[in-house]
C-alpha atoms as a PDB file:
ATOM      1  CA  MET A   1      87.413  -1.157  22.937  1.00  0.00           C
ATOM      2  CA  LEU A   2      86.208  -2.867  26.084  1.00  0.00           C
ATOM      3  CA  THR A   3      88.237  -6.024  26.717  1.00  0.00           C
ATOM      4  CA  LEU A   4      88.189  -8.660  29.439  1.00  0.00           C
ATOM      5  CA  LYS A   5      90.820 -11.313  30.099  1.00  0.00           C
ATOM      6  CA  ASN A   6      91.785 -13.789  32.768  1.00  0.00           C
ATOM      7  CA  THR A   7      94.384 -12.591  35.249  1.00  0.00           C
ATOM      8  CA  PRO A   8      97.734 -14.471  35.159  1.00  0.00           C
ATOM      9  CA  ASN A   9      96.999 -16.634  38.225  1.00  0.00           C
ATOM     10  CA  LEU A  10      93.279 -16.921  37.451  1.00  0.00           C
ATOM     11  CA  ALA A  11      92.287 -15.103  40.635  1.00  0.00           C
ATOM     12  CA  GLY A  12      89.856 -13.058  38.624  1.00  0.00           C
ATOM     13  CA  ILE A  13      89.039 -11.225  35.430  1.00  0.00           C
ATOM     14  CA  GLU A  14      90.677  -8.020  34.253  1.00  0.00           C
ATOM     15  CA  ILE A  15      88.332  -5.369  32.838  1.00  0.00           C
ATOM     16  CA  CYS A  16      90.147  -2.999  30.505  1.00  0.00           C
ATOM     17  CA  GLY A  17      89.148  -0.093  28.280  1.00  0.00           C
ATOM     18  CA  ASP A  18      89.566   3.594  27.606  1.00  0.00           C
ATOM     19  CA  TYR A  19      87.637   6.268  29.472  1.00  0.00           C
ATOM     20  CA  GLN A  20      84.643   6.076  27.160  1.00  0.00           C
ATOM     21  CA  ASP A  21      84.490   2.261  27.266  1.00  0.00           C
ATOM     22  CA  LEU A  22      84.391   2.055  31.047  1.00  0.00           C
ATOM     23  CA  ASP A  23      82.138   5.083  31.490  1.00  0.00           C
ATOM     24  CA  THR A  24      79.644   3.592  29.017  1.00  0.00           C
ATOM     25  CA  LEU A  25      79.676   0.250  30.857  1.00  0.00           C
ATOM     26  CA  TYR A  26      79.270   1.953  34.224  1.00  0.00           C
ATOM     27  CA  MET A  27      76.306   4.057  33.077  1.00  0.00           C
ATOM     28  CA  ALA A  28      74.614   1.066  31.408  1.00  0.00           C
ATOM     29  CA  LEU A  29      74.790  -1.009  34.587  1.00  0.00           C
ATOM     30  CA  LEU A  30      73.695   1.989  36.663  1.00  0.00           C
ATOM     31  CA  MET A  31      70.542   2.341  34.588  1.00  0.00           C
ATOM     32  CA  ILE A  32      69.755  -1.374  34.591  1.00  0.00           C
ATOM     33  CA  ILE A  33      70.100  -2.060  38.317  1.00  0.00           C
ATOM     34  CA  GLY A  34      67.848   0.869  39.258  1.00  0.00           C
ATOM     35  CA  ASP A  35      67.770   2.858  42.464  1.00  0.00           C
ATOM     36  CA  GLU A  36      67.770   1.512  46.000  1.00  0.00           C
ATOM     37  CA  GLY A  37      64.495  -0.253  46.716  1.00  0.00           C
ATOM     38  CA  ASP A  38      63.326  -0.373  43.083  1.00  0.00           C
ATOM     39  CA  TYR A  39      63.464  -4.155  42.872  1.00  0.00           C
ATOM     40  CA  GLY A  40      62.734  -5.365  46.377  1.00  0.00           C
ATOM     41  CA  ASN A  41      64.465  -8.640  47.191  1.00  0.00           C
ATOM     42  CA  PHE A  42      67.128  -8.058  44.542  1.00  0.00           C
ATOM     43  CA  GLU A  43      68.885  -5.500  46.740  1.00  0.00           C
ATOM     44  CA  GLY A  44      71.674  -7.890  47.726  1.00  0.00           C
ATOM     45  CA  ALA A  45      72.483  -8.611  44.076  1.00  0.00           C
ATOM     46  CA  ARG A  46      72.233  -4.898  43.306  1.00  0.00           C
ATOM     47  CA  LEU A  47      74.806  -4.080  45.982  1.00  0.00           C
ATOM     48  CA  ARG A  48      77.243  -6.691  44.629  1.00  0.00           C
ATOM     49  CA  THR A  49      76.849  -5.255  41.138  1.00  0.00           C
ATOM     50  CA  LEU A  50      77.424  -1.793  42.566  1.00  0.00           C
ATOM     51  CA  GLY A  51      80.630  -3.106  44.109  1.00  0.00           C
ATOM     52  CA  VAL A  52      82.000  -4.062  40.692  1.00  0.00           C
ATOM     53  CA  MET A  53      80.774  -0.752  39.284  1.00  0.00           C
ATOM     54  CA  TYR A  54      82.589   1.088  42.078  1.00  0.00           C
ATOM     55  CA  ASP A  55      85.883  -0.407  40.924  1.00  0.00           C
ATOM     56  CA  ILE A  56      85.082   0.336  37.276  1.00  0.00           C
ATOM     57  CA  ARG A  57      84.375   3.973  38.097  1.00  0.00           C
ATOM     58  CA  HIS A  58      87.584   4.327  40.084  1.00  0.00           C
ATOM     59  CA  ALA A  59      89.471   2.750  37.192  1.00  0.00           C
ATOM     60  CA  PHE A  60      88.429   5.388  34.636  1.00  0.00           C
ATOM     61  CA  GLN A  61      89.056   8.051  37.282  1.00  0.00           C
ATOM     62  CA  ALA A  62      92.700   6.894  37.205  1.00  0.00           C
ATOM     63  CA  ASP A  63      92.530   5.358  40.679  1.00  0.00           C
ATOM     64  CA  ARG A  64      93.428   1.838  39.546  1.00  0.00           C
ATOM     65  CA  GLU A  65      95.919   0.365  37.046  1.00  0.00           C
ATOM     66  CA  PHE A  66      96.470   1.588  33.495  1.00  0.00           C
ATOM     67  CA  GLU A  67      98.445   0.764  30.369  1.00  0.00           C
ATOM     68  CA  PHE A  68      99.227   2.247  26.967  1.00  0.00           C
ATOM     69  CA  VAL A  69      97.836   0.366  23.980  1.00  0.00           C
ATOM     70  CA  ASP A  70      98.860   0.705  20.312  1.00  0.00           C
ATOM     71  CA  ASN A  71      96.246   2.632  18.328  1.00  0.00           C
ATOM     72  CA  GLY A  72      97.478   1.859  14.800  1.00  0.00           C
ATOM     73  CA  MET A  73      99.194   5.176  14.168  1.00  0.00           C
ATOM     74  CA  ASP A  74     102.693   5.165  12.646  1.00  0.00           C
ATOM     75  CA  GLU A  75     104.994   7.652  10.924  1.00  0.00           C
ATOM     76  CA  ASP A  76     103.576   6.956   7.452  1.00  0.00           C
ATOM     77  CA  THR A  77      99.983   7.474   8.635  1.00  0.00           C
ATOM     78  CA  MET A  78     100.936  10.703  10.411  1.00  0.00           C
ATOM     79  CA  LYS A  79     102.599  12.000   7.238  1.00  0.00           C
ATOM     80  CA  LEU A  80      99.520  11.067   5.221  1.00  0.00           C
ATOM     81  CA  LEU A  81      97.264  12.929   7.654  1.00  0.00           C
ATOM     82  CA  GLY A  82      99.682  15.824   8.009  1.00  0.00           C
ATOM     83  CA  MET A  83      99.711  15.718  11.785  1.00  0.00           C
ATOM     84  CA  ILE A  84     101.675  14.384  14.746  1.00  0.00           C
ATOM     85  CA  THR A  85      99.629  12.275  17.156  1.00  0.00           C
ATOM     86  CA  PRO A  86     100.327   9.743  19.919  1.00  0.00           C
ATOM     87  CA  ASP A  87     100.780   6.174  18.688  1.00  0.00           C
ATOM     88  CA  LYS A  88      99.219   4.726  21.852  1.00  0.00           C
ATOM     89  CA  ASN A  89      95.966   5.214  23.766  1.00  0.00           C
ATOM     90  CA  LEU A  90      95.558   5.200  27.531  1.00  0.00           C
ATOM     91  CA  TYR A  91      93.553   2.232  28.824  1.00  0.00           C
ATOM     92  CA  TYR A  92      92.375   1.759  32.399  1.00  0.00           C
ATOM     93  CA  LYS A  93      92.253  -1.620  34.135  1.00  0.00           C
ATOM     94  CA  VAL A  94      90.577  -3.177  37.157  1.00  0.00           C
ATOM     95  CA  ASN A  95      90.443  -6.770  38.439  1.00  0.00           C
ATOM     96  CA  VAL A  96      87.357  -8.564  39.781  1.00  0.00           C
ATOM     97  CA  TYR A  97      87.404 -11.848  41.750  1.00  0.00           C
ATOM     98  CA  TYR A  98      86.270 -14.749  39.587  1.00  0.00           C
ATOM     99  CA  PRO A  99      83.281 -15.895  41.700  1.00  0.00           C
ATOM    100  CA  GLU A 100      82.207 -12.253  42.033  1.00  0.00           C
ATOM    101  CA  ALA A 101      82.389 -11.686  38.269  1.00  0.00           C
ATOM    102  CA  LEU A 102      80.298 -14.786  37.578  1.00  0.00           C
ATOM    103  CA  PHE A 103      77.699 -13.839  40.177  1.00  0.00           C
ATOM    104  CA  VAL A 104      77.307 -10.335  38.748  1.00  0.00           C
ATOM    105  CA  THR A 105      77.070 -11.780  35.243  1.00  0.00           C
ATOM    106  CA  MET A 106      74.125 -13.889  36.384  1.00  0.00           C
ATOM    107  CA  ALA A 107      72.557 -11.027  38.316  1.00  0.00           C
ATOM    108  CA  ILE A 108      72.579  -8.885  35.179  1.00  0.00           C
ATOM    109  CA  ASN A 109      70.122 -11.352  33.604  1.00  0.00           C
ATOM    110  CA  ASP A 110      67.633 -10.583  36.341  1.00  0.00           C
ATOM    111  CA  PHE A 111      68.211  -6.836  36.193  1.00  0.00           C
ATOM    112  CA  ILE A 112      67.821  -6.726  32.415  1.00  0.00           C
ATOM    113  CA  ARG A 113      64.464  -8.490  32.762  1.00  0.00           C
ATOM    114  CA  LEU A 114      63.360  -6.090  35.515  1.00  0.00           C
ATOM    115  CA  TYR A 115      64.633  -3.037  33.645  1.00  0.00           C
ATOM    116  CA  ALA A 116      62.932  -4.069  30.394  1.00  0.00           C
ATOM    117  CA  LYS A 117      59.640  -4.655  32.198  1.00  0.00           C
ATOM    118  CA  LYS A 118      59.896  -1.243  33.851  1.00  0.00           C
ATOM    119  CA  GLN A 119      60.694   0.485  30.555  1.00  0.00           C
ATOM    120  CA  ALA A 120      57.898  -1.309  28.724  1.00  0.00           C
ATOM    121  CA  LYS A 121      55.303   0.200  31.038  1.00  0.00           C
ATOM    122  CA  SER A 122      56.209   3.700  29.909  1.00  0.00           C
ATOM    123  CA  ALA A 123      56.987   2.883  26.270  1.00  0.00           C
ATOM    124  CA  THR A 124      55.016   4.594  23.500  1.00  0.00           C
ATOM    125  CA  TYR A 125      56.139   2.369  20.627  1.00  0.00           C
ATOM    126  CA  PRO A 126      55.530  -1.315  19.763  1.00  0.00           C
ATOM    127  CA  LEU A 127      57.488  -3.910  21.707  1.00  0.00           C
ATOM    128  CA  VAL A 128      58.347  -7.540  21.024  1.00  0.00           C
ATOM    129  CA  ASP A 129      57.912  -9.912  23.974  1.00  0.00           C
ATOM    130  CA  LYS A 130      57.278  -6.819  26.097  1.00  0.00           C
ATOM    131  CA  LYS A 131      60.994  -5.970  26.137  1.00  0.00           C
ATOM    132  CA  ILE A 132      62.802  -2.894  24.891  1.00  0.00           C
ATOM    133  CA  LEU A 133      64.377  -3.494  21.499  1.00  0.00           C
ATOM    134  CA  TRP A 134      67.800  -2.111  20.663  1.00  0.00           C
ATOM    135  CA  ASP A 135      68.184  -0.514  24.082  1.00  0.00           C
ATOM    136  CA  SER A 136      71.815   0.637  24.334  1.00  0.00           C
ATOM    137  CA  HIS A 137      72.076  -0.097  28.064  1.00  0.00           C
ATOM    138  CA  ILE A 138      70.912  -3.679  27.577  1.00  0.00           C
ATOM    139  CA  ALA A 139      73.264  -4.121  24.615  1.00  0.00           C
ATOM    140  CA  THR A 140      76.235  -2.887  26.659  1.00  0.00           C
ATOM    141  CA  ALA A 141      75.349  -5.140  29.592  1.00  0.00           C
ATOM    142  CA  ARG A 142      75.017  -8.145  27.257  1.00  0.00           C
ATOM    143  CA  LEU A 143      78.421  -7.354  25.778  1.00  0.00           C
ATOM    144  CA  PHE A 144      79.927  -7.357  29.250  1.00  0.00           C
ATOM    145  CA  GLN A 145      78.288 -10.712  30.018  1.00  0.00           C
ATOM    146  CA  SER A 146      79.553 -12.269  26.803  1.00  0.00           C
ATOM    147  CA  LEU A 147      83.109 -11.123  27.529  1.00  0.00           C
ATOM    148  CA  VAL A 148      82.983 -12.660  31.018  1.00  0.00           C
ATOM    149  CA  ILE A 149      81.736 -15.950  29.595  1.00  0.00           C
ATOM    150  CA  ASN A 150      84.479 -15.903  26.961  1.00  0.00           C
ATOM    151  CA  CYS A 151      87.044 -15.589  29.756  1.00  0.00           C
ATOM    152  CA  LEU A 152      85.477 -18.579  31.497  1.00  0.00           C
ATOM    153  CA  LYS A 153      85.633 -20.602  28.278  1.00  0.00           C
ATOM    154  CA  GLU A 154      89.353 -19.874  27.951  1.00  0.00           C
ATOM    155  CA  ALA A 155      90.051 -20.866  31.566  1.00  0.00           C
ATOM    156  CA  VAL A 156      88.528 -24.348  31.721  1.00  0.00           C
ATOM    157  CA  THR A 157      88.140 -27.495  29.655  1.00  0.00           C
ATOM    158  CA  GLU A 158      85.372 -27.760  27.071  1.00  0.00           C
ATOM    159  CA  ALA A 159      83.482 -30.304  29.207  1.00  0.00           C
ATOM    160  CA  SER A 160      83.671 -28.095  32.314  1.00  0.00           C
ATOM    161  CA  TYR A 161      82.623 -25.065  30.297  1.00  0.00           C
ATOM    162  CA  LYS A 162      79.488 -26.795  29.022  1.00  0.00           C
ATOM    163  CA  ARG A 163      78.525 -27.916  32.528  1.00  0.00           C
ATOM    164  CA  MET A 164      79.012 -24.435  33.949  1.00  0.00           C
ATOM    165  CA  LEU A 165      77.129 -22.796  31.109  1.00  0.00           C
ATOM    166  CA  ASN A 166      74.108 -24.983  31.869  1.00  0.00           C
ATOM    167  CA  LEU A 167      74.254 -23.967  35.517  1.00  0.00           C
ATOM    168  CA  LEU A 168      74.738 -20.277  34.787  1.00  0.00           C
ATOM    169  CA  HIS A 169      71.766 -20.136  32.411  1.00  0.00           C
ATOM    170  CA  LYS A 170      69.367 -22.572  34.027  1.00  0.00           C
ATOM    171  CA  ASP A 171      66.643 -20.059  34.907  1.00  0.00           C
ATOM    172  CA  TYR A 172      65.772 -16.455  35.725  1.00  0.00           C
ATOM    173  CA  THR A 173      64.927 -14.600  38.954  1.00  0.00           C
ATOM    174  CA  TRP A 174      67.892 -16.517  40.337  1.00  0.00           C
ATOM    175  CA  THR A 175      69.291 -13.683  42.502  1.00  0.00           C
ATOM    176  CA  ASP A 176      65.949 -12.825  44.096  1.00  0.00           C
ATOM    177  CA  GLY A 177      66.712 -12.719  47.833  1.00  0.00           C
ATOM    178  CA  TYR A 178      70.156 -14.256  47.353  1.00  0.00           C
ATOM    179  CA  THR A 179      72.269 -14.399  50.533  1.00  0.00           C
ATOM    180  CA  THR A 180      75.355 -12.667  49.167  1.00  0.00           C
ATOM    181  CA  GLN A 181      77.397 -13.387  52.294  1.00  0.00           C
ATOM    182  CA  TYR A 182      77.737 -16.865  50.810  1.00  0.00           C
ATOM    183  CA  LEU A 183      79.411 -15.291  47.807  1.00  0.00           C
ATOM    184  CA  ASP A 184      82.045 -13.872  50.174  1.00  0.00           C
ATOM    185  CA  MET A 185      82.701 -17.405  51.410  1.00  0.00           C
ATOM    186  CA  LEU A 186      83.131 -18.646  47.848  1.00  0.00           C
ATOM    187  CA  ASN A 187      85.433 -15.735  46.993  1.00  0.00           C
ATOM    188  CA  ILE A 188      87.668 -16.347  50.000  1.00  0.00           C
ATOM    189  CA  ARG A 189      87.768 -20.113  49.515  1.00  0.00           C
ATOM    190  CA  TYR A 190      88.657 -19.687  45.858  1.00  0.00           C
ATOM    191  CA  LEU A 191      91.358 -17.070  46.497  1.00  0.00           C
ATOM    192  CA  GLU A 192      93.024 -19.255  49.130  1.00  0.00           C
ATOM    193  CA  ILE A 193      93.894 -21.682  46.333  1.00  0.00           C
ATOM    194  CA  GLY A 194      97.336 -20.597  45.191  1.00  0.00           C
ATOM    195  CA  ASP A 195      97.771 -22.730  42.074  1.00  0.00           C
ATOM    196  CA  ARG A 196      96.350 -21.583  38.715  1.00  0.00           C
ATOM    197  CA  GLU A 197      95.609 -25.100  37.511  1.00  0.00           C
ATOM    198  CA  GLN A 198      93.789 -25.951  40.712  1.00  0.00           C
ATOM    199  CA  ARG A 199      91.785 -22.746  40.466  1.00  0.00           C
ATOM    200  CA  ALA A 200      90.719 -23.714  36.952  1.00  0.00           C
ATOM    201  CA  LYS A 201      89.452 -27.037  38.282  1.00  0.00           C
ATOM    202  CA  GLU A 202      87.772 -25.332  41.252  1.00  0.00           C
ATOM    203  CA  LEU A 203      85.723 -22.973  39.082  1.00  0.00           C
ATOM    204  CA  SER A 204      83.280 -25.725  38.174  1.00  0.00           C
ATOM    205  CA  LEU A 205      82.627 -26.445  41.848  1.00  0.00           C
ATOM    206  CA  VAL A 206      82.299 -22.722  42.612  1.00  0.00           C
ATOM    207  CA  VAL A 207      79.591 -22.326  39.986  1.00  0.00           C
ATOM    208  CA  LYS A 208      77.808 -25.456  41.208  1.00  0.00           C
ATOM    209  CA  ARG A 209      77.745 -24.252  44.809  1.00  0.00           C
ATOM    210  CA  MET A 210      76.758 -20.736  43.795  1.00  0.00           C
ATOM    211  CA  THR A 211      73.824 -21.765  41.638  1.00  0.00           C
ATOM    212  CA  GLU A 212      72.411 -24.836  43.331  1.00  0.00           C
ATOM    213  CA  LYS A 213      71.983 -23.206  46.765  1.00  0.00           C
ATOM    214  CA  GLY A 214      72.660 -26.438  48.574  1.00  0.00           C
ATOM    215  CA  LYS A 215      72.900 -27.308  52.255  1.00  0.00           C
ATOM    216  CA  GLU A 216      75.876 -25.038  52.943  1.00  0.00           C
ATOM    217  CA  TYR A 217      74.160 -22.084  51.287  1.00  0.00           C
ATOM    218  CA  ARG A 218      70.926 -22.648  53.208  1.00  0.00           C
ATOM    219  CA  GLN A 219      72.836 -22.809  56.486  1.00  0.00           C
ATOM    220  CA  VAL A 220      74.513 -19.460  55.782  1.00  0.00           C
ATOM    221  CA  GLU A 221      71.177 -18.001  54.731  1.00  0.00           C
ATOM    222  CA  GLU A 222      69.546 -19.113  57.979  1.00  0.00           C
ATOM    223  CA  GLU A 223      72.388 -17.702  60.090  1.00  0.00           C
ATOM    224  CA  VAL A 224      72.356 -14.356  58.278  1.00  0.00           C
ATOM    225  CA  ARG A 225      68.603 -13.963  58.635  1.00  0.00           C
ATOM    226  CA  ALA A 226      68.751 -14.858  62.320  1.00  0.00           C
ATOM    227  CA  MET A 227      71.484 -12.291  62.864  1.00  0.00           C
ATOM    228  CA  ALA A 228      69.474  -9.639  61.006  1.00  0.00           C
ATOM    229  CA  ARG A 229      66.442 -10.322  63.192  1.00  0.00           C
ATOM    230  CA  GLU A 230      68.563 -10.177  66.335  1.00  0.00           C
ATOM    231  CA  HIS A 231      70.009  -6.788  65.409  1.00  0.00           C
ATOM    232  CA  ASN A 232      66.829  -5.476  63.799  1.00  0.00           C
ATOM    233  CA  CYS A 233      68.528  -4.687  60.497  1.00  0.00           C
ATOM    234  CA  SER A 234      68.415  -5.827  56.878  1.00  0.00           C
ATOM    235  CA  VAL A 235      70.295  -8.922  55.771  1.00  0.00           C
ATOM    236  CA  GLU A 236      72.451  -6.675  53.564  1.00  0.00           C
ATOM    237  CA  ASP A 237      73.842  -5.026  56.711  1.00  0.00           C
ATOM    238  CA  ILE A 238      75.300  -8.305  57.974  1.00  0.00           C
ATOM    239  CA  SER A 239      78.974  -8.875  57.098  1.00  0.00           C
ATOM    240  CA  LEU A 240      81.025 -12.035  57.007  1.00  0.00           C
ATOM    241  CA  VAL A 241      83.544 -12.285  59.845  1.00  0.00           C
ATOM    242  CA  GLU A 242      86.309 -13.800  57.693  1.00  0.00           C
ATOM    243  CA  ASP A 243      88.854 -11.533  55.979  1.00  0.00           C
ATOM    244  CA  TYR A 244      89.839 -11.716  52.339  1.00  0.00           C
ATOM    245  CA  PRO A 245      93.389 -12.973  51.745  1.00  0.00           C
ATOM    246  CA  ASP A 246      96.057 -10.992  49.889  1.00  0.00           C
ATOM    247  CA  VAL A 247      95.679 -11.675  46.184  1.00  0.00           C
ATOM    248  CA  ASP A 248      98.358 -12.493  43.656  1.00  0.00           C
ATOM    249  CA  TRP A 249      96.256 -11.868  40.582  1.00  0.00           C
END
């Protein structure tokens, strides 16, 4: 079963599951975000989602952490079934920075809308609201989103959670043309806070800055676009100069 939980020091969210869980999540997100260039100005958000997917893929390829989880088998059950089996299953784990996880959760809203619209054009059966009903990829992506939001709810006060939920769900097409270098700034600033309690308080401000695209965001956006023009490249090719700190998850 796919599970998500806050890391001990609230640096991020741990994604955990068996091979099938993580492979299913990876393939669902891969289908939803489309190929390079499919969704125009959403390429920055697509690349950030791919970054999380990269870690998920390496996790179920045994290139990250793992643990053994009880599977409910005991001696009595084995005798009843007439077989000897392991009493634990192998689960793979990977951690994602908190601001990054929240950004990708929001980006998935946009990609689900884009994916559903794309699928509807080629559909041969009735649709409701022009979206694909019961699509397994959408269902898996929504499950992932709900698990992230549950982690957020556990990390902050009820009042903070309600404020952040309003910000995270205020509208769609939110990641269209988003300057994701700003997300790097938010990640680094958040990780430099060493105290768990302070991080919990900071999350509300992180979400506010991420979603409102205020003065600081617009300044970064302007600088990134100017740099891209100067070097005749896409804004996605521009990297933040600052380095990420070592993380005590």
